[in-house]
Amino acid sequence: MRKLFSVRTSDNALSFGTLLLRLTGGILMIHHGFDKLTHFSQKAHQFMDPFGIGTTTSLSLVVFAEFFCAAFLILGLFTRLAAIPLIVTMGVALFKAHGADFAGQGELAAVYLGLYLSILVLGPGKVSLDRFLGR
């Protein structure tokens, strides 16, 4: 109980917190990507095209971020690199799709954006394939 109210941190606590961030961000996002992947042909023609590269290409990039990069986060593999497409995706969702509405429709995108920015800064932590592979 004493540790719960302590202001000091340990390497183990930091590693566990980083693992929780990675797992939370990966597990919660991967189902969004899986839905887009399995319904790709239905969604491709109506998907948002924020960069003028075409709806199919935009959807492909979002599937890459939301499914494959989320899987990399769960594994702790290429963690910082995997966070970047997720940051871009959530930035577009927040600022383009939801008009920077932090307290309304864009609230969830803002939470994800903060989570992925934290992962980018913190890195993979001790419990990750990146550490095991020496990256």
Foldseek 3Di string as FASTA:
>chain_A
DVVVPDPDDDLVRLQVVLLVLLLVLLVVQQVVLVVCVVCVVVCQQVADDPPPPGSSVVSVLSSCLRHVLSVCSNQLHPQLVSLVSLLVVLVCCCCPVVVVPCPPPSVVSVVSNVSSVVCNVSGRGDRHVCVVVVD
